[in-house]
Amino acid sequence: MSTGIVLIIDDEEKLRALLARIIRLEGMTVLEAETLKAGSRLLDKEDIDVVLCDVKLPDGNGVDFVKGMKAKHPNVETILLTAYGNIADGVAAMKNGAFDYITKGDDNDKIIPLLARALEKVQLQKRVVQLEQEVGRRYTFEGILGNSPPIQAAIDMARRVAPTEATVLLLGETGTGKEVFAQAIHHGSKRANKPFMALNCSAFGKELLESELFGHKAGAFTGASKDKKGLIEEANNGTLFLDEIGEMHIDLQAKLLRVLETNEFIKVGDIRATRVDVRIIAATNRDLQQEVADGGFREDLFYRLNVFTISLPSLRDRKKDIPLIADYYLRFFARKSNKRMDSLSKDFLDHLQQHDWKGNIRELKNIIERAVILSDGPILTVENLPSELQVSGLRSTGPLSAFDLASVEKLHIQRVLNHTRGNKTEAARLLNIGLTTLYRKIEEYKLSYEA
């Protein structure tokens, strides 16, 4: 039986006490009130899940009470109890939002199963609200981690441009969080409740990218058996995020320019233009001005995209944020792995601070996920880091000999083998090396799986 808080509103003290006793035996917390007024006070004060309410009470009717209560407490479910059931009251109760309507005495056996179903519904509603809040936080500016001046300056600029209709160009190295910023700008705009569509321009060849972006008509090319909307059309009234815009073929750049200038485009194989209302946010890790000079990017498109530019700092330019980001991902992956983990050791954080982070936040996220998988205790330690980070953290203590490097590598491979219980294919995947290389290392270091 699910636990929860149940409020019984009934002026019959003996019946109220009997119901309370039965419900408490099922592991639920019970509160009692003899009038609707007293029950309303408890609803305002306590986190109540389900109300068992008599229909006829000294200060009002339970059927009418449900309507007002659902308006004020929409996630609370109500089961109405009546001494003399009638169809009209039952219909009115359900219309007003009651979970069910039962007759006292005749339906006593139904109360506990009904409570169980009502509590399941309440808990599901609470979980949905919780997930919506988590998603909302994840895609807002509050979800961007970091307190250092460089990231705060970028957040401030993004906050300022979000409510406008301006096209935004996000610049930064791979892994700096450009899509996170694009999501936050979208959710901070008037288009927040409309579609947000994202496309990585480097993931497709020219023809496929054209179809994905602009859509096509049936018969436009071999395999096009039916009409297909492109992402520009799917994002109508919302936001389209074009990542790695510098990778887009120059022929497609002309079509994108038309969208920015006229809000129109022509699908592959179509002869008529399609109108859209879409905000474009683009991102790149390339120097677009140099690309323009080299003839790889259209100058007119560059100036259309470059209305409002935000440069995102690399992780090595804001190393003060590493502990905060690492702690966030520790808790995220510990929860995902059903592990109880408390913190990161000082040595672990020192090694993170000394790393160059060429892959930025994405690399740090992967490192923490891997460390959580390999950890056997509540605290992440240096031993949970990949060998290259263990070595980089030791550089400050003096030059390393070949023996030191081999020792770190041997230790790390052994720990991964222990984690995978000797599964060498999985170990090679986690180590990001070939299976043949792993076998060679096992033979070289005389390693074995420790049960």
Protein backbone atom coordinates (compact mmCIF):
# COMPACT_ATOMS: atom_id res chain seq x y z
CA MET A 1 0.00 0.00 0.00
CA SER A 2 1.32 3.47 -0.86
CA THR A 3 1.96 5.83 2.05
CA GLY A 4 0.29 9.22 2.08
CA ILE A 5 -1.74 11.69 4.13
CA VAL A 6 -5.50 11.20 4.25
CA LEU A 7 -7.97 13.74 5.65
CA ILE A 8 -11.32 12.44 6.92
CA ILE A 9 -14.10 15.06 7.12
CA ASP A 10 -17.15 13.64 8.91
CA ASP A 11 -19.28 14.84 11.84
CA GLU A 12 -19.96 11.27 13.04
CA GLU A 13 -17.14 10.78 15.56
CA LYS A 14 -17.46 6.97 15.86
CA LEU A 15 -17.42 6.42 12.10
CA ARG A 16 -14.51 8.86 11.72
CA ALA A 17 -12.51 7.03 14.40
CA LEU A 18 -13.23 3.63 12.80
CA LEU A 19 -12.13 4.80 9.34
CA ALA A 20 -9.03 6.43 10.80
CA ARG A 21 -8.02 3.21 12.55
CA ILE A 22 -8.49 1.08 9.40
CA ILE A 23 -6.51 3.51 7.25
CA ARG A 24 -3.66 3.87 9.75
CA LEU A 25 -3.27 0.08 9.77
CA GLU A 26 -2.44 0.40 6.05
CA GLY A 27 0.52 2.65 6.88
CA MET A 28 -1.05 5.98 6.01
CA THR A 29 -1.14 9.17 8.09
CA VAL A 30 -4.67 10.28 8.99
CA LEU A 31 -5.96 13.74 9.91
CA GLU A 32 -9.53 14.34 11.10
CA ALA A 33 -12.05 17.18 10.89
CA GLU A 34 -15.76 17.32 11.76
CA THR A 35 -16.68 20.31 9.56
CA LEU A 36 -15.83 21.58 6.07
CA LYS A 37 -14.36 24.74 7.59
CA ALA A 38 -11.98 22.75 9.81
CA GLY A 39 -11.10 20.49 6.88
CA SER A 40 -10.31 23.51 4.69
CA ARG A 41 -7.91 24.85 7.32
CA LEU A 42 -6.05 21.53 7.38
CA LEU A 43 -5.89 21.46 3.58
CA ASP A 44 -4.24 24.89 3.58
CA LYS A 45 -1.75 23.88 6.26
CA GLU A 46 -0.85 20.23 5.54
CA ASP A 47 0.40 18.39 2.45
CA ILE A 48 -2.73 16.22 2.13
CA ASP A 49 -3.06 13.66 -0.66
CA VAL A 50 -6.63 12.32 -0.40
CA VAL A 51 -9.79 13.57 1.32
CA LEU A 52 -12.57 11.24 2.53
CA CYS A 53 -15.53 13.57 2.91
CA ASP A 54 -19.11 13.08 4.03
CA VAL A 55 -21.74 14.60 1.72
CA LYS A 56 -23.98 16.10 4.42
CA LEU A 57 -22.12 18.14 7.03
CA PRO A 58 -23.24 20.79 9.55
CA ASP A 59 -21.72 23.67 7.56
CA GLY A 60 -22.28 22.58 3.97
CA ASN A 61 -22.53 19.95 1.26
CA GLY A 62 -19.57 17.77 0.30
CA VAL A 63 -20.55 17.73 -3.39
CA ASP A 64 -20.31 21.54 -3.55
CA PHE A 65 -17.13 21.50 -1.41
CA VAL A 66 -15.27 19.35 -3.97
CA LYS A 67 -15.55 21.97 -6.70
CA GLY A 68 -13.97 24.75 -4.66
CA MET A 69 -11.34 22.44 -3.18
CA LYS A 70 -10.20 21.16 -6.61
CA ALA A 71 -9.84 24.75 -7.82
CA LYS A 72 -7.57 25.54 -4.86
CA HIS A 73 -5.81 22.15 -4.49
CA PRO A 74 -5.93 20.53 -7.96
CA ASN A 75 -3.64 17.62 -7.06
CA VAL A 76 -5.69 16.49 -4.03
CA GLU A 77 -8.17 13.68 -4.73
CA THR A 78 -11.54 13.42 -2.96
CA ILE A 79 -13.72 10.39 -2.23
CA LEU A 80 -17.24 11.35 -1.13
CA LEU A 81 -19.17 9.28 1.43
CA THR A 82 -22.94 9.40 1.74
CA ALA A 83 -25.51 7.61 3.91
CA TYR A 84 -28.12 7.78 1.17
CA GLY A 85 -26.62 7.56 -2.31
CA ASN A 86 -28.48 8.92 -5.30
CA ILE A 87 -27.57 9.13 -8.97
CA ALA A 88 -27.96 12.93 -9.22
CA ASP A 89 -25.49 13.58 -6.39
CA GLY A 90 -23.08 11.00 -7.82
CA VAL A 91 -23.10 12.63 -11.25
CA ALA A 92 -22.65 16.12 -9.74
CA ALA A 93 -19.79 14.88 -7.53
CA MET A 94 -17.87 13.43 -10.48
CA LYS A 95 -18.48 16.58 -12.54
CA ASN A 96 -17.08 18.68 -9.71
CA GLY A 97 -13.88 16.60 -9.69
CA ALA A 98 -14.46 13.88 -7.09
CA PHE A 99 -12.34 10.74 -7.50
CA ASP A 100 -15.33 8.56 -6.53
CA TYR A 101 -18.68 8.57 -4.71
CA ILE A 102 -19.62 5.67 -2.41
CA THR A 103 -22.32 4.72 0.08
CA LYS A 104 -21.44 4.32 3.77
CA GLY A 105 -21.84 0.82 5.13
CA ASP A 106 -22.59 -0.93 1.83
CA ASP A 107 -19.27 0.07 0.25
CA ASN A 108 -16.90 -0.07 3.26
CA ASP A 109 -14.86 -2.83 1.61
CA LYS A 110 -14.17 -0.47 -1.32
CA ILE A 111 -12.55 2.27 0.76
CA ILE A 112 -9.00 0.86 1.05
CA PRO A 113 -8.70 -0.18 -2.64
CA LEU A 114 -10.15 3.19 -3.64
CA LEU A 115 -7.64 5.02 -1.44
CA ALA A 116 -4.81 3.01 -3.00
CA ARG A 117 -5.87 4.02 -6.52
CA ALA A 118 -6.38 7.66 -5.49
CA LEU A 119 -2.91 7.78 -3.89
CA GLU A 120 -1.33 6.28 -7.02
CA LYS A 121 -2.93 9.05 -9.08
CA VAL A 122 -1.75 11.74 -6.65
CA GLN A 123 1.82 10.41 -6.62
CA LEU A 124 1.87 10.25 -10.41
CA GLN A 125 0.65 13.87 -10.58
CA LYS A 126 3.36 14.94 -8.12
CA ARG A 127 6.01 13.13 -10.16
CA VAL A 128 4.85 14.85 -13.35
CA VAL A 129 5.02 18.26 -11.62
CA GLN A 130 8.50 17.43 -10.28
CA LEU A 131 9.73 16.37 -13.73
CA GLU A 132 8.26 19.52 -15.31
CA GLN A 133 10.09 21.63 -12.73
CA GLU A 134 13.36 19.75 -13.32
CA VAL A 135 13.02 20.15 -17.09
CA GLY A 136 12.12 23.80 -16.64
CA ARG A 137 15.22 24.43 -14.50
CA ARG A 138 17.42 22.49 -16.91
CA TYR A 139 16.45 24.68 -19.85
CA THR A 140 16.51 28.05 -18.09
CA PHE A 141 19.43 30.33 -17.28
CA GLU A 142 19.30 29.02 -13.69
CA GLY A 143 20.29 25.62 -15.12
CA ILE A 144 23.60 26.97 -16.50
CA LEU A 145 26.29 26.07 -13.98
CA GLY A 146 28.98 28.53 -12.99
CA ASN A 147 29.63 31.65 -10.94
CA SER A 148 32.85 32.86 -12.55
CA PRO A 149 32.89 36.27 -14.29
CA PRO A 150 33.32 34.85 -17.85
CA ILE A 151 30.25 32.60 -17.71
CA GLN A 152 28.17 35.17 -15.83
CA ALA A 153 28.97 37.76 -18.52
CA ALA A 154 27.75 35.33 -21.21
CA ILE A 155 24.59 34.56 -19.21
CA ASP A 156 23.89 38.29 -18.76
CA MET A 157 24.12 38.90 -22.52
CA ALA A 158 21.88 35.90 -23.24
CA ARG A 159 19.27 37.10 -20.73
CA ARG A 160 19.19 40.49 -22.42
CA VAL A 161 18.66 39.12 -25.93
CA ALA A 162 16.24 36.31 -24.99
CA PRO A 163 13.00 38.40 -24.91
CA THR A 164 13.77 39.97 -28.30
CA GLU A 165 13.31 38.49 -31.78
CA ALA A 166 16.99 39.01 -32.69
CA THR A 167 18.97 36.29 -34.44
CA VAL A 168 21.76 35.06 -32.12
CA LEU A 169 25.18 33.66 -33.00
CA LEU A 170 26.87 31.58 -30.27
CA LEU A 171 30.63 31.23 -30.55
CA GLY A 172 32.77 28.81 -28.57
CA GLU A 173 34.80 25.63 -28.57
CA THR A 174 33.17 22.22 -28.80
CA GLY A 175 31.59 21.21 -25.49
CA THR A 176 31.16 24.71 -24.02
CA GLY A 177 27.36 24.41 -23.80
CA LYS A 178 26.12 26.23 -26.89
CA GLU A 179 22.91 24.18 -27.13
CA VAL A 180 22.24 24.74 -23.40
CA PHE A 181 22.45 28.49 -24.03
CA ALA A 182 20.20 28.19 -27.09
CA GLN A 183 17.58 26.34 -25.01
CA ALA A 184 17.78 28.97 -22.25
CA ILE A 185 17.35 31.82 -24.76
CA HIS A 186 14.32 30.05 -26.26
CA HIS A 187 12.73 29.46 -22.85
CA GLY A 188 13.38 33.08 -21.90
CA SER A 189 11.54 34.33 -25.00
CA LYS A 190 7.90 34.83 -25.98
CA ARG A 191 8.25 31.62 -27.99
CA ALA A 192 8.91 29.49 -24.88
CA ASN A 193 5.73 27.43 -25.31
CA LYS A 194 6.36 26.85 -29.01
CA PRO A 195 8.69 24.27 -30.62
CA PHE A 196 12.46 24.28 -30.13
CA MET A 197 14.17 22.31 -32.88
CA ALA A 198 17.91 21.61 -33.06
CA LEU A 199 20.04 20.44 -35.99
CA ASN A 200 23.77 19.74 -36.15
CA CYS A 201 24.83 20.85 -39.62
CA SER A 202 28.00 18.75 -39.51
CA ALA A 203 26.05 15.51 -39.11
CA PHE A 204 24.66 15.39 -42.68
CA GLY A 205 25.86 15.62 -46.26
CA LYS A 206 24.54 18.42 -48.48
CA GLU A 207 21.49 16.60 -49.97
CA LEU A 208 20.36 15.04 -46.70
CA LEU A 209 20.86 18.30 -44.79
CA GLU A 210 18.75 20.15 -47.37
CA SER A 211 15.92 17.64 -46.92
CA GLU A 212 16.19 17.69 -43.11
CA LEU A 213 16.22 21.48 -42.99
CA PHE A 214 13.75 22.47 -45.72
CA GLY A 215 11.71 19.29 -46.23
CA HIS A 216 10.71 17.78 -49.57
CA LYS A 217 7.76 16.89 -51.75
CA ALA A 218 6.85 13.31 -52.63
CA GLY A 219 8.83 12.17 -55.67
CA ALA A 220 11.49 14.88 -55.30
CA PHE A 221 14.18 12.18 -55.34
CA THR A 222 14.53 8.41 -55.14
CA GLY A 223 13.04 7.21 -51.87
CA ALA A 224 10.90 10.32 -51.28
CA SER A 225 7.59 8.45 -51.17
CA LYS A 226 5.65 11.16 -49.34
CA ASP A 227 5.80 14.83 -48.39
CA LYS A 228 8.08 15.63 -45.47
CA LYS A 229 8.23 18.76 -43.33
CA GLY A 230 11.71 20.13 -42.70
CA LEU A 231 12.88 21.37 -39.30
CA ILE A 232 12.34 24.99 -40.33
CA GLU A 233 8.64 24.24 -40.82
CA GLU A 234 8.49 22.08 -37.69
CA ALA A 235 9.90 25.02 -35.71
CA ASN A 236 7.24 27.44 -37.04
CA ASN A 237 6.38 30.06 -34.37
CA GLY A 238 9.27 28.72 -32.30
CA THR A 239 13.06 28.56 -32.44
CA LEU A 240 15.46 26.68 -34.72
CA PHE A 241 18.97 26.05 -33.37
CA LEU A 242 21.57 25.39 -36.07
CA ASP A 243 24.72 23.99 -34.47
CA GLU A 244 28.02 23.98 -36.36
CA ILE A 245 26.61 26.43 -38.92
CA GLY A 246 30.11 26.82 -40.36
CA GLU A 247 29.84 23.27 -41.76
CA MET A 248 26.81 24.09 -43.93
CA HIS A 249 27.41 23.79 -47.69
CA ILE A 250 27.58 27.20 -49.37
CA ASP A 251 24.67 26.34 -51.72
CA LEU A 252 22.38 25.76 -48.71
CA GLN A 253 23.55 28.99 -47.11
CA ALA A 254 21.70 30.91 -49.85
CA LYS A 255 18.43 29.14 -49.00
CA LEU A 256 18.91 29.85 -45.28
CA LEU A 257 19.60 33.50 -46.07
CA ARG A 258 16.22 33.69 -47.84
CA VAL A 259 14.49 32.41 -44.70
CA LEU A 260 16.17 35.11 -42.61
CA GLU A 261 15.32 37.87 -45.09
CA THR A 262 11.81 36.92 -46.25
CA ASN A 263 10.53 34.22 -43.85
CA GLU A 264 10.06 31.99 -46.92
CA PHE A 265 11.71 28.88 -48.34
CA ILE A 266 11.08 26.32 -51.06
CA LYS A 267 11.00 22.61 -50.22
CA VAL A 268 13.04 20.19 -52.31
CA GLY A 269 10.93 19.34 -55.38
CA ASP A 270 8.36 22.10 -54.74
CA ILE A 271 7.59 25.14 -56.91
CA ARG A 272 5.78 27.20 -54.30
CA ALA A 273 7.27 29.00 -51.31
CA THR A 274 6.33 28.09 -47.75
CA ARG A 275 6.02 30.92 -45.20
CA VAL A 276 7.27 30.52 -41.64
CA ASP A 277 7.76 32.57 -38.50
CA VAL A 278 10.88 31.16 -36.87
CA ARG A 279 13.72 32.56 -34.78
CA ILE A 280 17.20 31.35 -35.71
CA ILE A 281 19.96 30.73 -33.17
CA ALA A 282 23.19 29.56 -34.78
CA ALA A 283 26.42 28.28 -33.26
CA THR A 284 29.91 27.47 -34.43
CA ASN A 285 33.40 26.68 -33.16
CA ARG A 286 34.88 28.12 -36.35
CA ASP A 287 36.12 31.64 -37.11
CA LEU A 288 33.36 32.65 -39.52
CA GLN A 289 35.09 35.88 -40.52
CA GLN A 290 38.08 33.84 -41.67
CA GLU A 291 35.72 31.44 -43.43
CA VAL A 292 34.21 34.42 -45.28
CA ALA A 293 37.69 35.60 -46.27
CA ASP A 294 38.53 32.08 -47.50
CA GLY A 295 35.31 31.86 -49.54
CA GLY A 296 33.78 29.06 -47.47
CA PHE A 297 30.97 31.11 -45.92
CA ARG A 298 28.68 33.73 -47.45
CA GLU A 299 29.40 37.26 -46.24
CA ASP A 300 25.74 38.31 -46.46
CA LEU A 301 24.65 35.32 -44.36
CA PHE A 302 27.39 36.04 -41.81
CA TYR A 303 26.07 39.57 -41.29
CA ARG A 304 22.47 38.30 -41.00
CA LEU A 305 23.52 35.79 -38.34
CA ASN A 306 25.87 38.16 -36.56
CA VAL A 307 23.10 40.44 -35.25
CA PHE A 308 23.86 39.51 -31.64
CA THR A 309 26.98 37.47 -30.84
CA ILE A 310 27.73 35.73 -27.55
CA SER A 311 31.14 34.15 -26.95
CA LEU A 312 31.07 31.22 -24.52
CA PRO A 313 34.21 30.76 -22.41
CA SER A 314 36.19 27.52 -22.46
CA LEU A 315 36.34 25.52 -19.23
CA ARG A 316 40.06 26.27 -18.81
CA ASP A 317 39.12 29.98 -18.74
CA ARG A 318 36.78 29.42 -15.80
CA LYS A 319 38.40 26.71 -13.73
CA LYS A 320 36.85 28.12 -10.55
CA ASP A 321 33.56 26.60 -11.78
CA ILE A 322 34.97 23.06 -12.02
CA PRO A 323 34.08 22.00 -8.41
CA LEU A 324 30.46 23.17 -8.87
CA ILE A 325 30.05 21.44 -12.23
CA ALA A 326 31.79 18.26 -11.06
CA ASP A 327 29.60 18.06 -7.95
CA TYR A 328 26.45 18.49 -10.06
CA TYR A 329 27.41 15.61 -12.36
CA LEU A 330 28.50 13.47 -9.41
CA ARG A 331 25.01 13.69 -7.94
CA PHE A 332 23.35 13.28 -11.36
CA PHE A 333 25.23 10.08 -12.27
CA ALA A 334 25.12 8.68 -8.73
CA ARG A 335 21.31 8.98 -8.82
CA LYS A 336 21.24 7.46 -12.30
CA SER A 337 23.43 4.53 -11.15
CA ASN A 338 21.56 4.09 -7.84
CA LYS A 339 24.77 4.72 -5.90
CA ARG A 340 25.12 6.64 -2.64
CA MET A 341 27.95 9.09 -3.23
CA ASP A 342 28.73 12.11 -1.07
CA SER A 343 31.60 14.11 -2.50
CA LEU A 344 34.84 14.42 -4.44
CA SER A 345 38.17 14.19 -2.64
CA LYS A 346 40.51 17.19 -2.58
CA ASP A 347 43.11 15.32 -4.66
CA PHE A 348 40.43 14.42 -7.20
CA LEU A 349 39.44 18.09 -7.55
CA ASP A 350 43.11 19.17 -7.69
CA HIS A 351 43.66 16.85 -10.66
CA LEU A 352 40.56 18.23 -12.39
CA GLN A 353 41.80 21.78 -11.86
CA GLN A 354 45.18 20.97 -13.50
CA HIS A 355 43.70 19.38 -16.62
CA ASP A 356 43.52 21.37 -19.91
CA TRP A 357 39.91 20.36 -20.78
CA LYS A 358 40.13 20.53 -24.55
CA GLY A 359 36.68 18.93 -24.66
CA ASN A 360 35.33 21.45 -22.09
CA ILE A 361 32.18 20.64 -20.09
CA ARG A 362 31.32 17.65 -22.27
CA GLU A 363 34.69 16.09 -21.43
CA LEU A 364 34.27 16.82 -17.70
CA LYS A 365 30.79 15.25 -17.76
CA ASN A 366 32.18 12.07 -19.36
CA ILE A 367 35.04 11.92 -16.83
CA ILE A 368 32.63 12.16 -13.88
CA GLU A 369 30.28 9.53 -15.34
CA ARG A 370 33.20 7.15 -15.79
CA ALA A 371 34.51 7.86 -12.28
CA VAL A 372 31.08 7.16 -10.74
CA ILE A 373 30.90 3.82 -12.59
CA LEU A 374 34.34 2.81 -11.32
CA SER A 375 33.92 4.02 -7.74
CA ASP A 376 33.35 1.48 -4.98
CA GLY A 377 32.89 4.02 -2.20
CA PRO A 378 30.98 7.20 -1.34
CA ILE A 379 33.81 9.56 -2.37
CA LEU A 380 35.45 9.95 -5.77
CA THR A 381 39.23 9.67 -5.51
CA VAL A 382 42.17 10.06 -7.90
CA GLU A 383 42.09 6.30 -8.54
CA ASN A 384 38.70 6.77 -10.25
CA LEU A 385 40.22 9.09 -12.87
CA PRO A 386 41.51 7.93 -16.28
CA SER A 387 45.26 7.35 -16.33
CA GLU A 388 45.97 10.49 -18.38
CA LEU A 389 44.33 12.68 -15.71
CA GLN A 390 46.12 10.86 -12.92
CA VAL A 391 49.42 11.61 -14.68
CA SER A 392 48.56 15.26 -15.43
CA GLY A 393 47.78 15.84 -11.78
CA LEU A 394 51.20 14.53 -10.76
CA ARG A 395 53.16 16.84 -13.04
CA SER A 396 53.51 19.49 -10.36
CA THR A 397 55.45 17.08 -8.11
CA GLY A 398 58.32 16.70 -10.59
CA PRO A 399 59.24 14.81 -13.75
CA LEU A 400 57.78 11.32 -14.17
CA SER A 401 59.75 8.28 -15.15
CA ALA A 402 58.42 5.66 -17.56
CA PHE A 403 57.86 3.41 -14.54
CA ASP A 404 55.49 5.95 -12.92
CA LEU A 405 53.41 6.25 -16.09
CA ALA A 406 53.21 2.47 -16.50
CA SER A 407 52.15 2.07 -12.86
CA VAL A 408 49.26 4.49 -13.26
CA GLU A 409 48.12 2.80 -16.48
CA LYS A 410 48.39 -0.66 -14.94
CA LEU A 411 46.36 0.39 -11.89
CA HIS A 412 43.62 1.97 -14.00
CA ILE A 413 43.24 -0.98 -16.38
CA GLN A 414 43.07 -3.36 -13.41
CA ARG A 415 40.29 -1.33 -11.79
CA VAL A 416 38.28 -1.30 -15.02
CA LEU A 417 38.69 -5.09 -15.38
CA ASN A 418 37.49 -5.52 -11.80
CA HIS A 419 34.48 -3.27 -12.50
CA THR A 420 33.48 -5.26 -15.61
CA ARG A 421 34.07 -8.57 -13.79
CA GLY A 422 36.58 -9.58 -16.42
CA ASN A 423 34.44 -8.63 -19.43
CA LYS A 424 37.23 -7.48 -21.74
CA THR A 425 34.96 -6.13 -24.48
CA GLU A 426 33.20 -3.85 -21.98
CA ALA A 427 36.53 -2.91 -20.38
CA ALA A 428 37.95 -1.90 -23.77
CA ARG A 429 34.86 0.23 -24.42
CA LEU A 430 35.16 2.04 -21.08
CA LEU A 431 38.90 2.56 -21.60
CA ASN A 432 38.25 3.79 -25.14
CA ILE A 433 40.91 1.48 -26.60
CA GLY A 434 40.81 -1.42 -29.04
CA LEU A 435 40.27 -4.95 -27.76
CA THR A 436 43.60 -6.04 -29.23
CA THR A 437 45.35 -3.22 -27.35
CA LEU A 438 43.68 -4.30 -24.12
CA TYR A 439 44.85 -7.90 -24.53
CA ARG A 440 48.38 -6.63 -25.17
CA LYS A 441 48.28 -4.48 -22.02
CA ILE A 442 46.91 -7.39 -19.95
CA GLU A 443 49.80 -9.57 -21.10
CA GLU A 444 52.35 -6.78 -20.65
CA TYR A 445 51.27 -5.97 -17.09
CA LYS A 446 50.32 -9.59 -16.23
CA LEU A 447 46.82 -8.52 -15.21
CA SER A 448 43.93 -10.74 -14.21
CA TYR A 449 40.33 -10.29 -13.12
CA GLU A 450 40.00 -10.10 -9.35
CA ALA A 451 36.64 -11.48 -8.18
